[in-house]
mmCIF file of all heavy atoms, coordinates in Angstrom:
data_MODEL
# 
_entry.id   MODEL 
# 
loop_
_atom_site.group_PDB 
_atom_site.id 
_atom_site.type_symbol 
_atom_site.label_atom_id 
_atom_site.label_alt_id 
_atom_site.label_comp_id 
_atom_site.label_asym_id 
_atom_site.label_entity_id 
_atom_site.label_seq_id 
_atom_site.pdbx_PDB_ins_code 
_atom_site.Cartn_x 
_atom_site.Cartn_y 
_atom_site.Cartn_z 
_atom_site.occupancy 
_atom_site.B_iso_or_equiv 
_atom_site.pdbx_formal_charge 
_atom_site.auth_seq_id 
_atom_site.auth_comp_id 
_atom_site.auth_asym_id 
_atom_site.auth_atom_id 
_atom_site.pdbx_PDB_model_num 
ATOM 1   N N   . LYS A 1 1  ? 303.933 10.170  8.143  1.00 0.00 ? 1  LYS A N   1 
ATOM 2   C CA  . LYS A 1 1  ? 303.073 10.556  7.028  1.00 0.00 ? 1  LYS A CA  1 
ATOM 3   C C   . LYS A 1 1  ? 301.760 9.784   7.109  1.00 0.00 ? 1  LYS A C   1 
ATOM 4   O O   . LYS A 1 1  ? 301.750 8.624   7.557  1.00 0.00 ? 1  LYS A O   1 
ATOM 5   C CB  . LYS A 1 1  ? 303.766 10.273  5.692  1.00 0.00 ? 1  LYS A CB  1 
ATOM 6   C CG  . LYS A 1 1  ? 305.056 11.059  5.498  1.00 0.00 ? 1  LYS A CG  1 
ATOM 7   C CD  . LYS A 1 1  ? 305.702 10.708  4.171  1.00 0.00 ? 1  LYS A CD  1 
ATOM 8   C CE  . LYS A 1 1  ? 307.002 11.492  3.977  1.00 0.00 ? 1  LYS A CE  1 
ATOM 9   N NZ  . LYS A 1 1  ? 307.652 11.157  2.688  1.00 0.00 ? 1  LYS A NZ  1 
ATOM 10  N N   . PRO A 1 2  ? 300.634 10.383  6.701  1.00 0.00 ? 2  PRO A N   1 
ATOM 11  C CA  . PRO A 1 2  ? 299.352 9.670   6.727  1.00 0.00 ? 2  PRO A CA  1 
ATOM 12  C C   . PRO A 1 2  ? 299.379 8.412   5.860  1.00 0.00 ? 2  PRO A C   1 
ATOM 13  O O   . PRO A 1 2  ? 299.962 8.422   4.769  1.00 0.00 ? 2  PRO A O   1 
ATOM 14  C CB  . PRO A 1 2  ? 298.360 10.703  6.184  1.00 0.00 ? 2  PRO A CB  1 
ATOM 15  C CG  . PRO A 1 2  ? 299.022 12.021  6.380  1.00 0.00 ? 2  PRO A CG  1 
ATOM 16  C CD  . PRO A 1 2  ? 300.483 11.770  6.230  1.00 0.00 ? 2  PRO A CD  1 
ATOM 17  N N   . LEU A 1 3  ? 298.743 7.357   6.352  1.00 0.00 ? 3  LEU A N   1 
ATOM 18  C CA  . LEU A 1 3  ? 298.682 6.090   5.624  1.00 0.00 ? 3  LEU A CA  1 
ATOM 19  C C   . LEU A 1 3  ? 297.223 5.645   5.542  1.00 0.00 ? 3  LEU A C   1 
ATOM 20  O O   . LEU A 1 3  ? 296.465 5.779   6.494  1.00 0.00 ? 3  LEU A O   1 
ATOM 21  C CB  . LEU A 1 3  ? 299.517 5.021   6.334  1.00 0.00 ? 3  LEU A CB  1 
ATOM 22  C CG  . LEU A 1 3  ? 301.017 5.306   6.483  1.00 0.00 ? 3  LEU A CG  1 
ATOM 23  C CD1 . LEU A 1 3  ? 301.677 4.241   7.342  1.00 0.00 ? 3  LEU A CD1 1 
ATOM 24  C CD2 . LEU A 1 3  ? 301.693 5.384   5.115  1.00 0.00 ? 3  LEU A CD2 1 
ATOM 25  N N   . SER A 1 4  ? 296.851 5.093   4.379  1.00 0.00 ? 4  SER A N   1 
ATOM 26  C CA  . SER A 1 4  ? 295.493 4.602   4.164  1.00 0.00 ? 4  SER A CA  1 
ATOM 27  C C   . SER A 1 4  ? 295.541 3.237   3.507  1.00 0.00 ? 4  SER A C   1 
ATOM 28  O O   . SER A 1 4  ? 296.493 2.911   2.783  1.00 0.00 ? 4  SER A O   1 
ATOM 29  C CB  . SER A 1 4  ? 294.682 5.569   3.292  1.00 0.00 ? 4  SER A CB  1 
ATOM 30  O OG  . SER A 1 4  ? 294.548 6.820   3.923  1.00 0.00 ? 4  SER A OG  1 
ATOM 31  N N   . ARG A 1 5  ? 294.499 2.437   3.732  1.00 0.00 ? 5  ARG A N   1 
ATOM 32  C CA  . ARG A 1 5  ? 294.377 1.130   3.089  1.00 0.00 ? 5  ARG A CA  1 
ATOM 33  C C   . ARG A 1 5  ? 292.904 0.795   2.935  1.00 0.00 ? 5  ARG A C   1 
ATOM 34  O O   . ARG A 1 5  ? 292.030 1.459   3.505  1.00 0.00 ? 5  ARG A O   1 
ATOM 35  C CB  . ARG A 1 5  ? 295.101 0.042   3.883  1.00 0.00 ? 5  ARG A CB  1 
ATOM 36  C CG  . ARG A 1 5  ? 294.530 -0.213  5.264  1.00 0.00 ? 5  ARG A CG  1 
ATOM 37  C CD  . ARG A 1 5  ? 295.388 -1.188  6.050  1.00 0.00 ? 5  ARG A CD  1 
ATOM 38  N NE  . ARG A 1 5  ? 294.877 -1.406  7.399  1.00 0.00 ? 5  ARG A NE  1 
ATOM 39  C CZ  . ARG A 1 5  ? 294.048 -2.373  7.742  1.00 0.00 ? 5  ARG A CZ  1 
ATOM 40  N NH1 . ARG A 1 5  ? 293.615 -3.234  6.815  1.00 0.00 ? 5  ARG A NH1 1 
ATOM 41  N NH2 . ARG A 1 5  ? 293.637 -2.511  8.984  1.00 0.00 ? 5  ARG A NH2 1 
ATOM 42  N N   . LEU A 1 6  ? 292.623 -0.256  2.145  1.00 0.00 ? 6  LEU A N   1 
ATOM 43  C CA  . LEU A 1 6  ? 291.253 -0.644  1.845  1.00 0.00 ? 6  LEU A CA  1 
ATOM 44  C C   . LEU A 1 6  ? 291.037 -2.129  2.084  1.00 0.00 ? 6  LEU A C   1 
ATOM 45  O O   . LEU A 1 6  ? 291.958 -2.937  1.971  1.00 0.00 ? 6  LEU A O   1 
ATOM 46  C CB  . LEU A 1 6  ? 290.912 -0.337  0.381  1.00 0.00 ? 6  LEU A CB  1 
ATOM 47  C CG  . LEU A 1 6  ? 290.569 1.096   -0.007 1.00 0.00 ? 6  LEU A CG  1 
ATOM 48  C CD1 . LEU A 1 6  ? 290.376 1.177   -1.516 1.00 0.00 ? 6  LEU A CD1 1 
ATOM 49  C CD2 . LEU A 1 6  ? 289.327 1.577   0.716  1.00 0.00 ? 6  LEU A CD2 1 
ATOM 50  N N   . SER A 1 7  ? 289.789 -2.447  2.415  1.00 0.00 ? 7  SER A N   1 
ATOM 51  C CA  . SER A 1 7  ? 289.324 -3.833  2.403  1.00 0.00 ? 7  SER A CA  1 
ATOM 52  C C   . SER A 1 7  ? 288.131 -3.886  1.446  1.00 0.00 ? 7  SER A C   1 
ATOM 53  O O   . SER A 1 7  ? 287.119 -3.225  1.688  1.00 0.00 ? 7  SER A O   1 
ATOM 54  C CB  . SER A 1 7  ? 288.905 -4.302  3.793  1.00 0.00 ? 7  SER A CB  1 
ATOM 55  O OG  . SER A 1 7  ? 290.016 -4.467  4.635  1.00 0.00 ? 7  SER A OG  1 
ATOM 56  N N   . LEU A 1 8  ? 288.256 -4.658  0.375  1.00 0.00 ? 8  LEU A N   1 
ATOM 57  C CA  . LEU A 1 8  ? 287.181 -4.818  -0.603 1.00 0.00 ? 8  LEU A CA  1 
ATOM 58  C C   . LEU A 1 8  ? 286.517 -6.163  -0.345 1.00 0.00 ? 8  LEU A C   1 
ATOM 59  O O   . LEU A 1 8  ? 287.165 -7.201  -0.392 1.00 0.00 ? 8  LEU A O   1 
ATOM 60  C CB  . LEU A 1 8  ? 287.728 -4.738  -2.028 1.00 0.00 ? 8  LEU A CB  1 
ATOM 61  C CG  . LEU A 1 8  ? 286.681 -4.734  -3.144 1.00 0.00 ? 8  LEU A CG  1 
ATOM 62  C CD1 . LEU A 1 8  ? 285.808 -3.488  -3.063 1.00 0.00 ? 8  LEU A CD1 1 
ATOM 63  C CD2 . LEU A 1 8  ? 287.353 -4.801  -4.506 1.00 0.00 ? 8  LEU A CD2 1 
ATOM 64  N N   . ILE A 1 9  ? 285.224 -6.143  -0.078 1.00 0.00 ? 9  ILE A N   1 
ATOM 65  C CA  . ILE A 1 9  ? 284.505 -7.343  0.359  1.00 0.00 ? 9  ILE A CA  1 
ATOM 66  C C   . ILE A 1 9  ? 283.519 -7.781  -0.712 1.00 0.00 ? 9  ILE A C   1 
ATOM 67  O O   . ILE A 1 9  ? 282.780 -6.967  -1.258 1.00 0.00 ? 9  ILE A O   1 
ATOM 68  C CB  . ILE A 1 9  ? 283.751 -7.062  1.673  1.00 0.00 ? 9  ILE A CB  1 
ATOM 69  C CG1 . ILE A 1 9  ? 284.722 -6.537  2.734  1.00 0.00 ? 9  ILE A CG1 1 
ATOM 70  C CG2 . ILE A 1 9  ? 283.030 -8.300  2.169  1.00 0.00 ? 9  ILE A CG2 1 
ATOM 71  C CD1 . ILE A 1 9  ? 284.027 -5.911  3.907  1.00 0.00 ? 9  ILE A CD1 1 
ATOM 72  N N   . ASP A 1 10 ? 283.501 -9.070  -1.012 1.00 0.00 ? 10 ASP A N   1 
ATOM 73  C CA  . ASP A 1 10 ? 282.484 -9.659  -1.869 1.00 0.00 ? 10 ASP A CA  1 
ATOM 74  C C   . ASP A 1 10 ? 281.332 -10.111 -0.969 1.00 0.00 ? 10 ASP A C   1 
ATOM 75  O O   . ASP A 1 10 ? 281.479 -11.032 -0.170 1.00 0.00 ? 10 ASP A O   1 
ATOM 76  C CB  . ASP A 1 10 ? 283.058 -10.845 -2.640 1.00 0.00 ? 10 ASP A CB  1 
ATOM 77  C CG  . ASP A 1 10 ? 282.071 -11.392 -3.656 1.00 0.00 ? 10 ASP A CG  1 
ATOM 78  O OD1 . ASP A 1 10 ? 281.099 -12.059 -3.244 1.00 0.00 ? 10 ASP A OD1 1 
ATOM 79  O OD2 . ASP A 1 10 ? 282.241 -11.138 -4.871 1.00 0.00 ? 10 ASP A OD2 1 
ATOM 80  N N   . LEU A 1 11 ? 280.192 -9.437  -1.087 1.00 0.00 ? 11 LEU A N   1 
ATOM 81  C CA  . LEU A 1 11 ? 279.079 -9.688  -0.164 1.00 0.00 ? 11 LEU A CA  1 
ATOM 82  C C   . LEU A 1 11 ? 278.474 -11.069 -0.338 1.00 0.00 ? 11 LEU A C   1 
ATOM 83  O O   . LEU A 1 11 ? 277.940 -11.649 0.611  1.00 0.00 ? 11 LEU A O   1 
ATOM 84  C CB  . LEU A 1 11 ? 277.998 -8.612  -0.368 1.00 0.00 ? 11 LEU A CB  1 
ATOM 85  C CG  . LEU A 1 11 ? 278.431 -7.169  -0.116 1.00 0.00 ? 11 LEU A CG  1 
ATOM 86  C CD1 . LEU A 1 11 ? 277.295 -6.212  -0.451 1.00 0.00 ? 11 LEU A CD1 1 
ATOM 87  C CD2 . LEU A 1 11 ? 278.874 -6.975  1.325  1.00 0.00 ? 11 LEU A CD2 1 
ATOM 88  N N   . GLU A 1 12 ? 278.534 -11.603 -1.552 1.00 0.00 ? 12 GLU A N   1 
ATOM 89  C CA  . GLU A 1 12 ? 277.898 -12.903 -1.809 1.00 0.00 ? 12 GLU A CA  1 
ATOM 90  C C   . GLU A 1 12 ? 278.734 -14.062 -1.282 1.00 0.00 ? 12 GLU A C   1 
ATOM 91  O O   . GLU A 1 12 ? 278.202 -15.034 -0.739 1.00 0.00 ? 12 GLU A O   1 
ATOM 92  C CB  . GLU A 1 12 ? 277.645 -13.073 -3.303 1.00 0.00 ? 12 GLU A CB  1 
ATOM 93  C CG  . GLU A 1 12 ? 276.798 -14.287 -3.650 1.00 0.00 ? 12 GLU A CG  1 
ATOM 94  C CD  . GLU A 1 12 ? 276.431 -14.314 -5.112 1.00 0.00 ? 12 GLU A CD  1 
ATOM 95  O OE1 . GLU A 1 12 ? 277.131 -13.671 -5.928 1.00 0.00 ? 12 GLU A OE1 1 
ATOM 96  O OE2 . GLU A 1 12 ? 275.428 -14.974 -5.460 1.00 0.00 ? 12 GLU A OE2 1 
ATOM 97  N N   . SER A 1 13 ? 280.059 -13.971 -1.423 1.00 0.00 ? 13 SER A N   1 
ATOM 98  C CA  . SER A 1 13 ? 280.928 -15.058 -0.985 1.00 0.00 ? 13 SER A CA  1 
ATOM 99  C C   . SER A 1 13 ? 281.512 -14.829 0.404  1.00 0.00 ? 13 SER A C   1 
ATOM 100 O O   . SER A 1 13 ? 281.951 -15.778 1.063  1.00 0.00 ? 13 SER A O   1 
ATOM 101 C CB  . SER A 1 13 ? 282.076 -15.241 -1.982 1.00 0.00 ? 13 SER A CB  1 
ATOM 102 O OG  . SER A 1 13 ? 282.916 -14.087 -1.995 1.00 0.00 ? 13 SER A OG  1 
ATOM 103 N N   . GLY A 1 14 ? 281.547 -13.569 0.852  1.00 0.00 ? 14 GLY A N   1 
ATOM 104 C CA  . GLY A 1 14 ? 282.140 -13.269 2.148  1.00 0.00 ? 14 GLY A CA  1 
ATOM 105 C C   . GLY A 1 14 ? 283.648 -13.147 2.112  1.00 0.00 ? 14 GLY A C   1 
ATOM 106 O O   . GLY A 1 14 ? 284.282 -12.970 3.149  1.00 0.00 ? 14 GLY A O   1 
ATOM 107 N N   . LYS A 1 15 ? 284.243 -13.217 0.934  1.00 0.00 ? 15 LYS A N   1 
ATOM 108 C CA  . LYS A 1 15 ? 285.691 -13.087 0.809  1.00 0.00 ? 15 LYS A CA  1 
ATOM 109 C C   . LYS A 1 15 ? 286.076 -11.610 0.741  1.00 0.00 ? 15 LYS A C   1 
ATOM 110 O O   . LYS A 1 15 ? 285.284 -10.770 0.315  1.00 0.00 ? 15 LYS A O   1 
ATOM 111 C CB  . LYS A 1 15 ? 286.184 -13.821 -0.438 1.00 0.00 ? 15 LYS A CB  1 
ATOM 112 C CG  . LYS A 1 15 ? 285.941 -15.326 -0.399 1.00 0.00 ? 15 LYS A CG  1 
ATOM 113 C CD  . LYS A 1 15 ? 286.464 -15.988 -1.660 1.00 0.00 ? 15 LYS A CD  1 
ATOM 114 C CE  . LYS A 1 15 ? 286.239 -17.502 -1.617 1.00 0.00 ? 15 LYS A CE  1 
ATOM 115 N NZ  . LYS A 1 15 ? 286.736 -18.160 -2.856 1.00 0.00 ? 15 LYS A NZ  1 
ATOM 116 N N   . SER A 1 16 ? 287.301 -11.314 1.145  1.00 0.00 ? 16 SER A N   1 
ATOM 117 C CA  . SER A 1 16 ? 287.755 -9.930  1.141  1.00 0.00 ? 16 SER A CA  1 
ATOM 118 C C   . SER A 1 16 ? 289.178 -9.829  0.612  1.00 0.00 ? 16 SER A C   1 
ATOM 119 O O   . SER A 1 16 ? 289.969 -10.764 0.735  1.00 0.00 ? 16 SER A O   1 
ATOM 120 C CB  . SER A 1 16 ? 287.693 -9.336  2.553  1.00 0.00 ? 16 SER A CB  1 
ATOM 121 O OG  . SER A 1 16 ? 288.544 -10.031 3.425  1.00 0.00 ? 16 SER A OG  1 
ATOM 122 N N   . ILE A 1 17 ? 289.461 -8.701  -0.022 1.00 0.00 ? 17 ILE A N   1 
ATOM 123 C CA  . ILE A 1 17 ? 290.805 -8.366  -0.467 1.00 0.00 ? 17 ILE A CA  1 
ATOM 124 C C   . ILE A 1 17 ? 291.290 -7.231  0.414  1.00 0.00 ? 17 ILE A C   1 
ATOM 125 O O   . ILE A 1 17 ? 290.656 -6.182  0.485  1.00 0.00 ? 17 ILE A O   1 
ATOM 126 C CB  . ILE A 1 17 ? 290.818 -7.925  -1.946 1.00 0.00 ? 17 ILE A CB  1 
ATOM 127 C CG1 . ILE A 1 17 ? 290.305 -9.046  -2.847 1.00 0.00 ? 17 ILE A CG1 1 
ATOM 128 C CG2 . ILE A 1 17 ? 292.214 -7.497  -2.378 1.00 0.00 ? 17 ILE A CG2 1 
ATOM 129 C CD1 . ILE A 1 17 ? 290.161 -8.631  -4.297 1.00 0.00 ? 17 ILE A CD1 1 
ATOM 130 N N   . ASN A 1 18 ? 292.397 -7.430  1.085  1.00 0.00 ? 18 ASN A N   1 
ATOM 131 C CA  . ASN A 1 18 ? 292.909 -6.444  2.017  1.00 0.00 ? 18 ASN A CA  1 
ATOM 132 C C   . ASN A 1 18 ? 294.229 -5.890  1.487  1.00 0.00 ? 18 ASN A C   1 
ATOM 133 O O   . ASN A 1 18 ? 295.197 -6.633  1.315  1.00 0.00 ? 18 ASN A O   1 
ATOM 134 C CB  . ASN A 1 18 ? 293.103 -7.068  3.396  1.00 0.00 ? 18 ASN A CB  1 
ATOM 135 C CG  . ASN A 1 18 ? 291.832 -7.720  3.909  1.00 0.00 ? 18 ASN A CG  1 
ATOM 136 O OD1 . ASN A 1 18 ? 290.804 -7.062  4.018  1.00 0.00 ? 18 ASN A OD1 1 
ATOM 137 N ND2 . ASN A 1 18 ? 291.883 -9.014  4.192  1.00 0.00 ? 18 ASN A ND2 1 
ATOM 138 N N   . THR A 1 19 ? 294.256 -4.616  1.207  1.00 0.00 ? 19 THR A N   1 
ATOM 139 C CA  . THR A 1 19 ? 295.435 -4.021  0.593  1.00 0.00 ? 19 THR A CA  1 
ATOM 140 C C   . THR A 1 19 ? 296.468 -3.628  1.639  1.00 0.00 ? 19 THR A C   1 
ATOM 141 O O   . THR A 1 19 ? 296.187 -3.553  2.837  1.00 0.00 ? 19 THR A O   1 
ATOM 142 C CB  . THR A 1 19 ? 295.051 -2.761  -0.200 1.00 0.00 ? 19 THR A CB  1 
ATOM 143 O OG1 . THR A 1 19 ? 294.679 -1.723  0.728  1.00 0.00 ? 19 THR A OG1 1 
ATOM 144 C CG2 . THR A 1 19 ? 293.890 -3.027  -1.123 1.00 0.00 ? 19 THR A CG2 1 
ATOM 145 N N   . GLU A 1 20 ? 297.651 -3.354  1.158  1.00 0.00 ? 20 GLU A N   1 
ATOM 146 C CA  . GLU A 1 20 ? 298.697 -2.801  2.007  1.00 0.00 ? 20 GLU A CA  1 
ATOM 147 C C   . GLU A 1 20 ? 298.455 -1.304  2.179  1.00 0.00 ? 20 GLU A C   1 
ATOM 148 O O   . GLU A 1 20 ? 297.662 -0.695  1.473  1.00 0.00 ? 20 GLU A O   1 
ATOM 149 C CB  . GLU A 1 20 ? 300.066 -3.041  1.368  1.00 0.00 ? 20 GLU A CB  1 
ATOM 150 C CG  . GLU A 1 20 ? 300.414 -4.518  1.195  1.00 0.00 ? 20 GLU A CG  1 
ATOM 151 C CD  . GLU A 1 20 ? 301.724 -4.701  0.471  1.00 0.00 ? 20 GLU A CD  1 
ATOM 152 O OE1 . GLU A 1 20 ? 302.256 -3.688  -0.038 1.00 0.00 ? 20 GLU A OE1 1 
ATOM 153 O OE2 . GLU A 1 20 ? 302.222 -5.829  0.419  1.00 0.00 ? 20 GLU A OE2 1 
ATOM 154 N N   . GLN A 1 21 ? 299.149 -0.696  3.131  1.00 0.00 ? 21 GLN A N   1 
ATOM 155 C CA  . GLN A 1 21 ? 299.032 0.733   3.361  1.00 0.00 ? 21 GLN A CA  1 
ATOM 156 C C   . GLN A 1 21 ? 299.764 1.512   2.273  1.00 0.00 ? 21 GLN A C   1 
ATOM 157 O O   . GLN A 1 21 ? 300.802 1.089   1.780  1.00 0.00 ? 21 GLN A O   1 
ATOM 158 C CB  . GLN A 1 21 ? 299.599 1.105   4.729  1.00 0.00 ? 21 GLN A CB  1 
ATOM 159 C CG  . GLN A 1 21 ? 298.767 0.612   5.904  1.00 0.00 ? 21 GLN A CG  1 
ATOM 160 C CD  . GLN A 1 21 ? 299.383 0.986   7.231  1.00 0.00 ? 21 GLN A CD  1 
ATOM 161 O OE1 . GLN A 1 21 ? 300.591 0.983   7.377  1.00 0.00 ? 21 GLN A OE1 1 
ATOM 162 N NE2 . GLN A 1 21 ? 298.555 1.299   8.211  1.00 0.00 ? 21 GLN A NE2 1 
ATOM 163 N N   . VAL A 1 22 ? 299.161 2.645   1.897  1.00 0.00 ? 22 VAL A N   1 
ATOM 164 C CA  . VAL A 1 22 ? 299.796 3.545   0.935  1.00 0.00 ? 22 VAL A CA  1 
ATOM 165 C C   . VAL A 1 22 ? 299.852 4.937   1.561  1.00 0.00 ? 22 VAL A C   1 
ATOM 166 O O   . VAL A 1 22 ? 299.059 5.269   2.449  1.00 0.00 ? 22 VAL A O   1 
ATOM 167 C CB  . VAL A 1 22 ? 299.019 3.602   -0.398 1.00 0.00 ? 22 VAL A CB  1 
ATOM 168 C CG1 . VAL A 1 22 ? 299.037 2.265   -1.087 1.00 0.00 ? 22 VAL A CG1 1 
ATOM 169 C CG2 . VAL A 1 22 ? 297.589 4.064   -0.174 1.00 0.00 ? 22 VAL A CG2 1 
ATOM 170 N N   . GLU A 1 23 ? 300.773 5.728   1.089  1.00 0.00 ? 23 GLU A N   1 
ATOM 171 C CA  . GLU A 1 23 ? 300.931 7.082   1.624  1.00 0.00 ? 23 GLU A CA  1 
ATOM 172 C C   . GLU A 1 23 ? 299.829 7.971   1.070  1.00 0.00 ? 23 GLU A C   1 
ATOM 173 O O   . GLU A 1 23 ? 299.898 8.476   -0.036 1.00 0.00 ? 23 GLU A O   1 
ATOM 174 C CB  . GLU A 1 23 ? 302.308 7.630   1.245  1.00 0.00 ? 23 GLU A CB  1 
ATOM 175 C CG  . GLU A 1 23 ? 302.618 8.983   1.865  1.00 0.00 ? 23 GLU A CG  1 
ATOM 176 C CD  . GLU A 1 23 ? 304.000 9.466   1.485  1.00 0.00 ? 23 GLU A CD  1 
ATOM 177 O OE1 . GLU A 1 23 ? 304.938 8.638   1.472  1.00 0.00 ? 23 GLU A OE1 1 
ATOM 178 O OE2 . GLU A 1 23 ? 304.153 10.671  1.194  1.00 0.00 ? 23 GLU A OE2 1 
ATOM 179 N N   . ALA A 1 24 ? 298.784 8.140   1.848  1.00 0.00 ? 24 ALA A N   1 
ATOM 180 C CA  . ALA A 1 24 ? 297.620 8.931   1.439  1.00 0.00 ? 24 ALA A CA  1 
ATOM 181 C C   . ALA A 1 24 ? 296.727 9.118   2.649  1.00 0.00 ? 24 ALA A C   1 
ATOM 182 O O   . ALA A 1 24 ? 296.889 8.442   3.668  1.00 0.00 ? 24 ALA A O   1 
ATOM 183 C CB  . ALA A 1 24 ? 296.858 8.248   0.309  1.00 0.00 ? 24 ALA A CB  1 
ATOM 184 N N   . HIS A 1 25 ? 295.773 10.040  2.522  1.00 0.00 ? 25 HIS A N   1 
ATOM 185 C CA  . HIS A 1 25 ? 294.786 10.253  3.574  1.00 0.00 ? 25 HIS A CA  1 
ATOM 186 C C   . HIS A 1 25 ? 293.422 10.365  2.903  1.00 0.00 ? 25 HIS A C   1 
ATOM 187 O O   . HIS A 1 25 ? 292.895 11.449  2.687  1.00 0.00 ? 25 HIS A O   1 
ATOM 188 C CB  . HIS A 1 25 ? 295.104 11.523  4.372  1.00 0.00 ? 25 HIS A CB  1 
ATOM 189 C CG  . HIS A 1 25 ? 294.306 11.625  5.644  1.00 0.00 ? 25 HIS A CG  1 
ATOM 190 N ND1 . HIS A 1 25 ? 294.329 12.720  6.452  1.00 0.00 ? 25 HIS A ND1 1 
ATOM 191 C CD2 . HIS A 1 25 ? 293.453 10.743  6.248  1.00 0.00 ? 25 HIS A CD2 1 
ATOM 192 C CE1 . HIS A 1 25 ? 293.549 12.540  7.495  1.00 0.00 ? 25 HIS A CE1 1 
ATOM 193 N NE2 . HIS A 1 25 ? 292.996 11.345  7.385  1.00 0.00 ? 25 HIS A NE2 1 
ATOM 194 N N   . MET A 1 26 ? 292.834 9.189   2.571  1.00 0.00 ? 26 MET A N   1 
ATOM 195 C CA  . MET A 1 26 ? 291.586 9.140   1.837  1.00 0.00 ? 26 MET A CA  1 
ATOM 196 C C   . MET A 1 26 ? 290.695 8.049   2.412  1.00 0.00 ? 26 MET A C   1 
ATOM 197 O O   . MET A 1 26 ? 291.157 7.134   3.110  1.00 0.00 ? 26 MET A O   1 
ATOM 198 C CB  . MET A 1 26 ? 291.824 8.906   0.343  1.00 0.00 ? 26 MET A CB  1 
ATOM 199 C CG  . MET A 1 26 ? 292.781 9.880   -0.315 1.00 0.00 ? 26 MET A CG  1 
ATOM 200 S SD  . MET A 1 26 ? 292.631 9.917   -2.116 1.00 0.00 ? 26 MET A SD  1 
ATOM 201 C CE  . MET A 1 26 ? 291.191 10.953  -2.332 1.00 0.00 ? 26 MET A CE  1 
ATOM 202 N N   . ARG A 1 27 ? 289.393 8.147   2.085  1.00 0.00 ? 27 ARG A N   1 
ATOM 203 C CA  . ARG A 1 27 ? 288.416 7.150   2.513  1.00 0.00 ? 27 ARG A CA  1 
ATOM 204 C C   . ARG A 1 27 ? 287.513 6.815   1.337  1.00 0.00 ? 27 ARG A C   1 
ATOM 205 O O   . ARG A 1 27 ? 287.341 7.619   0.418  1.00 0.00 ? 27 ARG A O   1 
ATOM 206 C CB  . ARG A 1 27 ? 287.597 7.674   3.689  1.00 0.00 ? 27 ARG A CB  1 
ATOM 207 C CG  . ARG A 1 27 ? 286.708 8.855   3.352  1.00 0.00 ? 27 ARG A CG  1 
ATOM 208 C CD  . ARG A 1 27 ? 285.819 9.230   4.517  1.00 0.00 ? 27 ARG A CD  1 
ATOM 209 N NE  . ARG A 1 27 ? 284.980 10.390  4.232  1.00 0.00 ? 27 ARG A NE  1 
ATOM 210 C CZ  . ARG A 1 27 ? 283.816 10.327  3.606  1.00 0.00 ? 27 ARG A CZ  1 
ATOM 211 N NH1 . ARG A 1 27 ? 283.354 9.157   3.176  1.00 0.00 ? 27 ARG A NH1 1 
ATOM 212 N NH2 . ARG A 1 27 ? 283.101 11.420  3.394  1.00 0.00 ? 27 ARG A NH2 1 
ATOM 213 N N   . PRO A 1 28 ? 286.888 5.621   1.326  1.00 0.00 ? 28 PRO A N   1 
ATOM 214 C CA  . PRO A 1 28 ? 285.992 5.250   0.221  1.00 0.00 ? 28 PRO A CA  1 
ATOM 215 C C   . PRO A 1 28 ? 284.698 6.041   0.256  1.00 0.00 ? 28 PRO A C   1 
ATOM 216 O O   . PRO A 1 28 ? 284.099 6.220   1.312  1.00 0.00 ? 28 PRO A O   1 
ATOM 217 C CB  . PRO A 1 28 ? 285.758 3.756   0.452  1.00 0.00 ? 28 PRO A CB  1 
ATOM 218 C CG  . PRO A 1 28 ? 285.992 3.551   1.909  1.00 0.00 ? 28 PRO A CG  1 
ATOM 219 C CD  . PRO A 1 28 ? 287.044 4.528   2.302  1.00 0.00 ? 28 PRO A CD  1 
ATOM 220 N N   . LEU A 1 29 ? 284.280 6.490   -0.928 1.00 0.00 ? 29 LEU A N   1 
ATOM 221 C CA  . LEU A 1 29 ? 283.017 7.211   -1.057 1.00 0.00 ? 29 LEU A CA  1 
ATOM 222 C C   . LEU A 1 29 ? 281.973 6.353   -1.758 1.00 0.00 ? 29 LEU A C   1 
ATOM 223 O O   . LEU A 1 29 ? 280.797 6.405   -1.426 1.00 0.00 ? 29 LEU A O   1 
ATOM 224 C CB  . LEU A 1 29 ? 283.235 8.515   -1.834 1.00 0.00 ? 29 LEU A CB  1 
ATOM 225 C CG  . LEU A 1 29 ? 282.054 9.468   -1.940 1.00 0.00 ? 29 LEU A CG  1 
ATOM 226 C CD1 . LEU A 1 29 ? 281.641 9.957   -0.555 1.00 0.00 ? 29 LEU A CD1 1 
ATOM 227 C CD2 . LEU A 1 29 ? 282.396 10.657  -2.829 1.00 0.00 ? 29 LEU A CD2 1 
# 
């Protein structure tokens, strides 16, 4: 099954939140 995940980045600090994979087929807009 298609799996998707995200990385959310704080541009000022350089820190990132990296999620686990979820059953979906999507991309950030």
